[in-house]
C-alpha cells in the first residue's frame, strides 16, 4: 500500500519553510499532497487560483508532491485521497497546543488517520505566511522567506 500524507494549510502564500517541510516529507512518503484549504471564513490575501499557481511553481521538480485544494473537513479530504497521515509543521512550542487539539479532534473524527508533527529547519523556524504578508505590506524585503516567483506575485497583488 502506498503511504500518502496530506500537508494541509492556507499557503497564503507558500513559504520557504513550507517548501523545506515538503522536501523532507517526500523522503518519508510515496506521495505528499499539499492540501490548500478554501476556508470561506478567512479572507485570503491571494485567491485560491494564485495560491495553487505559486505553489506549483515553487514545488516544480519535487517529485511525489501533489497540489490539490479542498473545502471539506480535513479528515474527509484525507479519506478521499486515501491518505493515512496528516502532516503538521510546528515552528514553536506555542504551535503545539493548537495543533494537539486539532490532532485529537481529527483522531476522533477518523481513528485511522495519524498526525505527524515535523519541525522546520532552524533557518525557517520564524517564517509564517502572515508575517510574510505583514512585512510585504510595510515595504520590507521578503526575498529570504519565499521563492522569487511568490515574491513577484505578492508584489503584483499588493
Foldseek 3Di string as FASTA:
>chain_A
DFAEEEEEDQCLPPKPQNVQVLLVVVVVGQAYEDEHEDEPVDDRLDDPVVRQVQVCVQCPPRPRYHYDYDHDPPLVVCVVVVHQEYEDEDLDPVVVVVVVVVQVVSCVVPVRHHYDYDYTDPVQSPDDSVVLLVCVVVPHDCCVIHPPVVVVVSNVSD
